[in-house]
Amino acid sequence: MSETTNLSITHIQAAQNSKEVTANEAFDILDGAAAGQVELNIDGLSGDYTPTSTSMIRALTVKLTGAPAGALNIIVPNNRKMYWVWNYASGNVTVKTAAGSGIAVSSLKARFCYCDGTDVISMQAYGSTGISQATEKTSAFVTGAGGTSDLAIGATVLSSSVEVYVDGIRARKGAGRDYIVTESIPGSGNYDQLTPEYADAFPSGANIEILYYT
C-alpha cells in the first residue's frame, strides 16, 4: 500500500474495507509527530546508534537518558522531520543522518533540529536572508547586569539582526528584556556589543549562542 513521503502514513484506498482503521492509525501518527515523545536509553553506547525509524519519525521530542561510553551519533532516518532533542544523558551526542555531519547536543541541553532529507540542521534561528554561523560561548556574561560581550562579527550589524539563545531558548530582546544590543563606541553606529539587563539573564555556565543575520 502507498504511504506519505515523510511520516510513512498509510494511504486510504478507494475500495478498502474498514477505512476507519487506517484513518485512526493516521491520526495517531500525526498526534505523535506533533506532540509525542520517545525515550532512548543510550547508557553504555558509543559510535553510531540507530533507533527504529518509526520510533523517531513518529515523535516530536526525543529524550536521551543514561551515560554513553564515548562519542555517540544518534542516526535518524532521511525523512524530512522536525525534532526537539532533549539530551538528559550525561554525555554529549551528535544527531545526524547516516551520511550527514549533523549537529551536536550537549549533555543536559535541548535543541530544535530538522532533518531536511539529507542531514540534520539546527532550527534555532530564522530570517528572510542568510544566517551566519553561530558564535557559541559556554560562559558568556558571567559579570551579570552591566557586563558586556563583543560580537565577533567583523562587520557592523543592525540591532534587529541579532538573536541570542540560552540553553536552546531564545532570549527576549530590547529594553526591559533580557538583553539589548549596544554600540561598542557610543555614537559610532556600530551595534556590535550585547549588554544583559539583569544579573541572571545569562547564568554562568549556560550554553549561549549568538546568531546574527547577514
Protein backbone atom coordinates (compact mmCIF):
# COMPACT_ATOMS: atom_id res chain seq x y z
CA MET A 1 0.00 0.00 0.00
CA SER A 2 1.17 3.54 -0.69
CA GLU A 3 2.37 5.84 2.10
CA THR A 4 3.03 9.51 2.71
CA THR A 5 6.56 10.68 1.94
CA ASN A 6 7.72 11.96 5.32
CA LEU A 7 5.82 10.21 8.12
CA SER A 8 5.11 6.95 6.24
CA ILE A 9 1.37 7.14 6.93
CA THR A 10 -0.64 4.54 5.04
CA HIS A 11 -2.99 5.99 2.43
CA ILE A 12 -6.66 5.05 2.48
CA GLN A 13 -7.54 3.06 -0.62
CA ALA A 14 -10.69 3.85 -2.59
CA ALA A 15 -12.28 0.39 -2.27
CA GLN A 16 -10.83 -0.83 1.03
CA ASN A 17 -12.92 -2.13 3.92
CA SER A 18 -12.73 -0.69 7.44
CA LYS A 19 -11.40 2.68 6.32
CA GLU A 20 -11.70 3.93 9.91
CA VAL A 21 -8.84 1.66 10.97
CA THR A 22 -6.43 3.26 8.52
CA ALA A 23 -7.77 6.74 9.30
CA ASN A 24 -7.40 6.29 13.07
CA GLU A 25 -3.85 4.99 12.63
CA ALA A 26 -3.06 8.12 10.60
CA PHE A 27 -4.50 10.34 13.35
CA ASP A 28 -2.35 8.57 15.97
CA ILE A 29 0.80 9.01 13.88
CA LEU A 30 0.09 12.71 13.33
CA ASP A 31 -0.61 13.15 17.04
CA GLY A 32 2.72 11.55 17.92
CA ALA A 33 4.69 13.54 15.34
CA ALA A 34 3.19 16.80 16.62
CA ALA A 35 3.31 16.18 20.38
CA GLY A 36 4.67 12.70 21.16
CA GLN A 37 7.87 11.72 22.93
CA VAL A 38 10.23 8.78 22.51
CA GLU A 39 12.76 7.99 25.23
CA LEU A 40 16.07 6.43 24.21
CA ASN A 41 18.38 4.87 26.78
CA ILE A 42 21.90 5.41 25.47
CA ASP A 43 23.69 4.05 28.53
CA GLY A 44 26.99 2.44 27.63
CA LEU A 45 26.72 3.22 23.91
CA SER A 46 29.30 4.79 21.61
CA GLY A 47 29.83 5.14 17.87
CA ASP A 48 26.62 5.08 15.79
CA TYR A 49 23.26 4.24 17.34
CA THR A 50 20.28 3.82 15.00
CA PRO A 51 16.85 3.68 16.68
CA THR A 52 13.95 2.21 14.73
CA SER A 53 12.72 4.54 12.01
CA THR A 54 9.12 4.53 13.21
CA SER A 55 10.09 5.45 16.78
CA MET A 56 11.89 8.54 15.50
CA ILE A 57 9.67 9.92 12.77
CA ARG A 58 6.51 9.43 14.85
CA ALA A 59 7.62 11.55 17.82
CA LEU A 60 8.45 15.22 18.22
CA THR A 61 10.53 15.06 21.41
CA VAL A 62 13.48 12.68 21.63
CA LYS A 63 14.58 12.30 25.26
CA LEU A 64 18.01 10.74 25.76
CA THR A 65 18.89 9.11 29.08
CA GLY A 66 21.82 7.19 30.53
CA ALA A 67 25.57 7.61 30.30
CA PRO A 68 27.15 6.91 26.89
CA ALA A 69 30.51 5.18 26.94
CA GLY A 70 32.06 7.55 24.40
CA ALA A 71 31.34 9.82 21.43
CA LEU A 72 27.88 8.89 20.18
CA ASN A 73 25.96 9.62 16.98
CA ILE A 74 22.17 9.29 17.05
CA ILE A 75 21.24 8.27 13.50
CA VAL A 76 17.83 9.46 12.31
CA PRO A 77 16.03 8.48 9.08
CA ASN A 78 16.37 10.65 5.98
CA ASN A 79 12.67 11.51 6.20
CA ARG A 80 12.06 15.24 6.44
CA LYS A 81 11.14 15.79 10.08
CA MET A 82 11.43 18.27 12.96
CA TYR A 83 12.88 17.04 16.27
CA TRP A 84 13.16 18.52 19.74
CA VAL A 85 16.20 16.67 21.09
CA TRP A 86 16.31 16.67 24.90
CA ASN A 87 19.69 15.33 25.97
CA TYR A 88 19.03 14.29 29.56
CA ALA A 89 22.01 11.91 29.37
CA SER A 90 25.39 12.56 30.99
CA GLY A 91 27.33 12.78 27.72
CA ASN A 92 27.28 14.89 24.57
CA VAL A 93 25.79 13.44 21.37
CA THR A 94 25.57 14.29 17.68
CA VAL A 95 22.24 13.92 15.87
CA LYS A 96 22.69 13.13 12.19
CA THR A 97 21.65 11.05 9.23
CA ALA A 98 23.83 8.06 8.31
CA ALA A 99 25.69 10.09 5.65
CA GLY A 100 25.46 13.53 7.24
CA SER A 101 27.57 15.50 9.70
CA GLY A 102 24.69 16.56 11.94
CA ILE A 103 24.61 18.88 14.94
CA ALA A 104 25.89 18.47 18.49
CA VAL A 105 23.58 18.45 21.50
CA SER A 106 25.41 18.93 24.78
CA SER A 107 24.62 16.99 27.93
CA LEU A 108 21.62 18.36 29.87
CA LYS A 109 20.74 20.68 26.97
CA ALA A 110 17.91 20.67 24.45
CA ARG A 111 17.87 21.73 20.82
CA PHE A 112 15.40 22.10 17.96
CA CYS A 113 16.69 20.45 14.81
CA TYR A 114 15.37 19.44 11.43
CA CYS A 115 16.23 16.65 9.02
CA ASP A 116 15.99 18.17 5.55
CA GLY A 117 16.17 14.81 3.77
CA THR A 118 19.97 14.86 3.64
CA ASP A 119 21.30 15.92 7.04
CA VAL A 120 20.20 17.31 10.40
CA ILE A 121 20.46 21.09 10.83
CA SER A 122 19.79 23.48 13.71
CA MET A 123 16.44 25.31 13.72
CA GLN A 124 17.22 27.77 16.50
CA ALA A 125 17.28 30.86 14.32
CA TYR A 126 15.30 32.17 11.40
CA GLY A 127 15.38 35.04 8.93
CA SER A 128 14.45 36.12 5.44
CA THR A 129 18.09 36.38 4.39
CA GLY A 130 21.22 34.35 5.01
CA ILE A 131 22.24 33.40 8.55
CA SER A 132 25.84 33.49 9.61
CA GLN A 133 27.42 30.69 11.55
CA ALA A 134 26.67 30.99 15.26
CA THR A 135 29.31 32.09 17.70
CA GLU A 136 28.88 29.67 20.59
CA LYS A 137 30.02 30.52 24.10
CA THR A 138 29.93 28.44 27.27
CA SER A 139 30.45 31.08 29.95
CA ALA A 140 29.34 34.40 28.50
CA PHE A 141 28.01 37.31 30.55
CA VAL A 142 29.24 35.96 33.87
CA THR A 143 29.62 39.53 35.11
CA GLY A 144 25.84 39.95 35.16
CA ALA A 145 23.98 43.22 34.71
CA GLY A 146 26.14 45.89 33.11
CA GLY A 147 28.65 43.42 31.74
CA THR A 148 29.10 43.26 28.00
CA SER A 149 30.16 40.77 25.36
CA ASP A 150 31.56 41.76 21.99
CA LEU A 151 30.06 40.09 18.94
CA ALA A 152 32.86 38.59 16.89
CA ILE A 153 31.20 39.67 13.70
CA GLY A 154 33.85 41.59 11.81
CA ALA A 155 31.25 43.98 10.44
CA THR A 156 28.55 46.34 11.61
CA VAL A 157 25.20 44.69 12.28
CA LEU A 158 21.78 46.11 12.97
CA SER A 159 20.44 45.65 16.47
CA SER A 160 17.40 43.91 14.97
CA SER A 161 19.57 41.31 13.24
CA VAL A 162 20.88 39.58 16.38
CA GLU A 163 19.28 36.65 18.17
CA VAL A 164 20.53 35.15 21.44
CA TYR A 165 19.73 31.66 22.70
CA VAL A 166 20.28 30.47 26.28
CA ASP A 167 20.35 26.67 26.57
CA GLY A 168 18.40 26.48 23.32
CA ILE A 169 15.70 29.00 24.35
CA ARG A 170 15.59 32.35 22.60
CA ALA A 171 16.20 35.25 24.99
CA ARG A 172 13.99 38.32 24.99
CA LYS A 173 15.37 41.37 23.21
CA GLY A 174 15.12 45.09 23.95
CA ALA A 175 14.85 47.50 26.87
CA GLY A 176 13.24 45.86 29.89
CA ARG A 177 14.07 42.44 28.47
CA ASP A 178 16.97 40.03 28.91
CA TYR A 179 19.42 41.96 26.76
CA ILE A 180 19.89 44.92 24.47
CA VAL A 181 22.24 45.37 21.52
CA THR A 182 24.55 48.33 22.06
CA GLU A 183 27.34 50.25 20.36
CA SER A 184 30.88 49.38 21.44
CA ILE A 185 31.70 53.07 20.94
CA PRO A 186 28.66 55.25 21.76
CA GLY A 187 27.56 57.22 18.72
CA SER A 188 29.58 55.13 16.31
CA GLY A 189 26.58 53.37 14.81
CA ASN A 190 28.37 50.03 15.19
CA TYR A 191 25.97 47.79 17.07
CA ASP A 192 28.44 45.06 17.93
CA GLN A 193 28.02 44.50 21.65
CA LEU A 194 25.45 42.79 23.89
CA THR A 195 24.55 44.09 27.32
CA PRO A 196 22.42 41.96 29.66
CA GLU A 197 19.69 43.83 31.50
CA TYR A 198 19.62 41.59 34.56
CA ALA A 199 22.24 39.76 36.61
CA ASP A 200 20.60 36.37 36.00
CA ALA A 201 19.73 36.93 32.33
CA PHE A 202 22.63 34.74 31.20
CA PRO A 203 23.61 32.33 34.00
CA SER A 204 27.24 31.38 34.42
CA GLY A 205 27.91 28.08 32.66
CA ALA A 206 24.87 28.31 30.38
CA ASN A 207 25.27 27.45 26.71
CA ILE A 208 24.99 30.81 24.96
CA GLU A 209 24.57 31.06 21.19
CA ILE A 210 24.76 34.40 19.42
CA LEU A 211 23.38 34.40 15.89
CA TYR A 212 23.22 37.31 13.52
CA TYR A 213 21.76 37.74 10.04
CA THR A 214 23.72 38.91 7.04
